[in-house]
Amino acid sequence: MNRKLSCVSLALLLVLGSSCVLHDTATSMSELPSQNGKPVVHVNTTSIALHLLFTQPLVGNAQFDNTVKEMTTHLVASGAKNVRIVQSNSSSYWYLFFPFTLIITPVVTNVAADGELK
C-alpha cells in the first residue's frame, strides 16, 4: 500500500511540476557590442513538459519548435531585432521512473540565443 501511495504521489508531482517555460535574460555584457557594433541581450529559455510516448505534448510543450517560439517572443519583448541561436538541447527522461515514464515522458528542452537590440 505504501509503495502504491508513493507512485501516485510521484505521478501527481510530475503533473503539477511540469508545463513551464523559464527565461533567463542577461543584458550586462560589460559594454561589449555584437559583431555588428550593436548592444546584445542573451536569453536562455527552458521548457519543461510531459509528453505522451516521447513525442506528443500532454502537459505543456517542450518540442524544439515551441521552445524557439517562446524564446523569440521573449527576445522581441526585450527589444531585439535579430537573433542568433547559440546552443540548444533536448532531453527525454524516459528512464527516470521506468516503466511509467516510457508512456508519459518528462521532456526538457533548452535554447540559448543572442539578440541584437534595436
Protein backbone atom coordinates (compact mmCIF):
# COMPACT_ATOMS: atom_id res chain seq x y z
CA MET A 1 0.00 0.00 0.00
CA ASN A 2 2.83 2.41 0.90
CA ARG A 3 4.57 1.76 -2.45
CA LYS A 4 1.33 2.40 -4.35
CA LEU A 5 0.84 5.67 -2.47
CA SER A 6 4.41 6.71 -3.34
CA CYS A 7 3.84 6.01 -7.05
CA VAL A 8 0.59 8.00 -7.08
CA SER A 9 2.27 10.88 -5.22
CA LEU A 10 5.16 10.83 -7.66
CA ALA A 11 2.82 10.88 -10.68
CA LEU A 12 0.90 13.80 -9.18
CA LEU A 13 4.16 15.66 -8.52
CA LEU A 14 5.23 15.16 -12.15
CA VAL A 15 1.95 16.58 -13.46
CA LEU A 16 1.96 19.55 -11.08
CA GLY A 17 5.65 20.30 -11.59
CA SER A 18 5.64 20.23 -15.36
CA SER A 19 4.46 22.54 -18.08
CA CYS A 20 6.51 25.63 -17.60
CA VAL A 21 8.77 27.87 -19.63
CA LEU A 22 11.65 29.61 -17.86
CA HIS A 23 13.57 32.58 -19.29
CA ASP A 24 16.91 33.80 -18.02
CA THR A 25 17.98 37.11 -19.57
CA ALA A 26 21.35 38.84 -19.46
CA THR A 27 21.87 42.37 -20.77
CA SER A 28 25.03 43.24 -18.88
CA MET A 29 27.80 42.45 -21.36
CA SER A 30 30.43 44.77 -19.89
CA GLU A 31 29.65 47.25 -22.67
CA LEU A 32 30.83 44.81 -25.33
CA PRO A 33 28.77 45.12 -28.54
CA SER A 34 27.79 42.43 -31.02
CA GLN A 35 29.91 41.78 -34.10
CA ASN A 36 27.86 44.49 -35.83
CA GLY A 37 28.60 47.01 -33.09
CA LYS A 38 25.10 46.95 -31.52
CA PRO A 39 24.11 46.10 -27.93
CA VAL A 40 23.27 42.45 -27.22
CA VAL A 41 20.80 40.63 -24.98
CA HIS A 42 21.35 36.94 -24.19
CA VAL A 43 18.32 34.75 -23.43
CA ASN A 44 18.33 31.19 -22.12
CA THR A 45 14.89 29.54 -22.42
CA THR A 46 13.99 26.19 -20.86
CA SER A 47 10.71 24.34 -21.50
CA ILE A 48 9.62 21.55 -19.15
CA ALA A 49 6.69 19.31 -20.10
CA LEU A 50 5.19 15.84 -20.07
CA HIS A 51 4.92 14.18 -23.47
CA LEU A 52 2.94 11.09 -24.40
CA LEU A 53 5.16 8.38 -25.90
CA PHE A 54 8.11 10.80 -26.27
CA THR A 55 6.57 12.94 -29.00
CA GLN A 56 3.05 14.22 -28.35
CA PRO A 57 2.73 17.07 -25.84
CA LEU A 58 0.45 16.03 -22.99
CA VAL A 59 1.00 18.68 -20.31
CA GLY A 60 2.95 21.64 -21.68
CA ASN A 61 5.02 21.55 -24.84
CA ALA A 62 8.78 21.06 -24.82
CA GLN A 63 9.16 20.44 -28.53
CA PHE A 64 12.08 22.32 -30.08
CA ASP A 65 9.90 24.44 -32.37
CA ASN A 66 7.71 25.59 -29.49
CA THR A 67 10.72 26.41 -27.28
CA VAL A 68 12.27 28.52 -30.07
CA LYS A 69 8.92 30.32 -30.49
CA GLU A 70 8.77 31.07 -26.74
CA MET A 71 12.38 32.29 -26.78
CA THR A 72 11.97 34.57 -29.80
CA THR A 73 8.76 36.03 -28.34
CA HIS A 74 10.73 36.87 -25.19
CA LEU A 75 13.56 38.37 -27.27
CA VAL A 76 11.15 40.61 -29.18
CA ALA A 77 9.66 41.77 -25.86
CA SER A 78 13.22 42.56 -24.71
CA GLY A 79 13.73 44.82 -27.74
CA ALA A 80 15.76 42.54 -30.01
CA LYS A 81 15.50 42.79 -33.78
CA ASN A 82 17.87 39.94 -34.79
CA VAL A 83 18.53 36.56 -33.22
CA ARG A 84 21.37 34.07 -33.32
CA ILE A 85 20.82 30.70 -31.63
CA VAL A 86 23.95 29.79 -29.72
CA GLN A 87 23.03 26.43 -28.22
CA SER A 88 20.12 24.01 -27.98
CA ASN A 89 19.47 20.75 -26.19
CA SER A 90 16.53 18.44 -25.60
CA SER A 91 16.40 15.57 -23.10
CA SER A 92 13.72 12.92 -22.62
CA TYR A 93 13.82 11.35 -19.18
CA TRP A 94 12.21 8.01 -20.12
CA TYR A 95 14.42 6.13 -17.63
CA LEU A 96 13.50 8.28 -14.61
CA PHE A 97 10.61 6.17 -13.25
CA PHE A 98 10.74 3.17 -15.54
CA PRO A 99 8.35 1.83 -16.95
CA PHE A 100 5.85 4.65 -16.17
CA THR A 101 7.97 7.26 -17.95
CA LEU A 102 8.07 5.20 -21.16
CA ILE A 103 4.44 6.24 -21.65
CA ILE A 104 4.37 9.67 -20.02
CA THR A 105 7.83 11.09 -20.52
CA PRO A 106 9.26 14.21 -18.84
CA VAL A 107 10.97 16.32 -21.52
CA VAL A 108 13.25 19.31 -21.02
CA THR A 109 14.32 21.49 -23.95
CA ASN A 110 16.79 24.37 -23.69
CA VAL A 111 17.58 27.07 -26.27
CA ALA A 112 20.13 29.85 -25.74
CA ALA A 113 20.35 32.79 -28.12
CA ASP A 114 21.79 36.26 -28.56
CA GLY A 115 19.57 39.06 -29.76
CA GLU A 116 20.77 42.33 -31.26
CA LEU A 117 18.98 45.26 -29.69
CA LYS A 118 17.37 47.97 -31.81
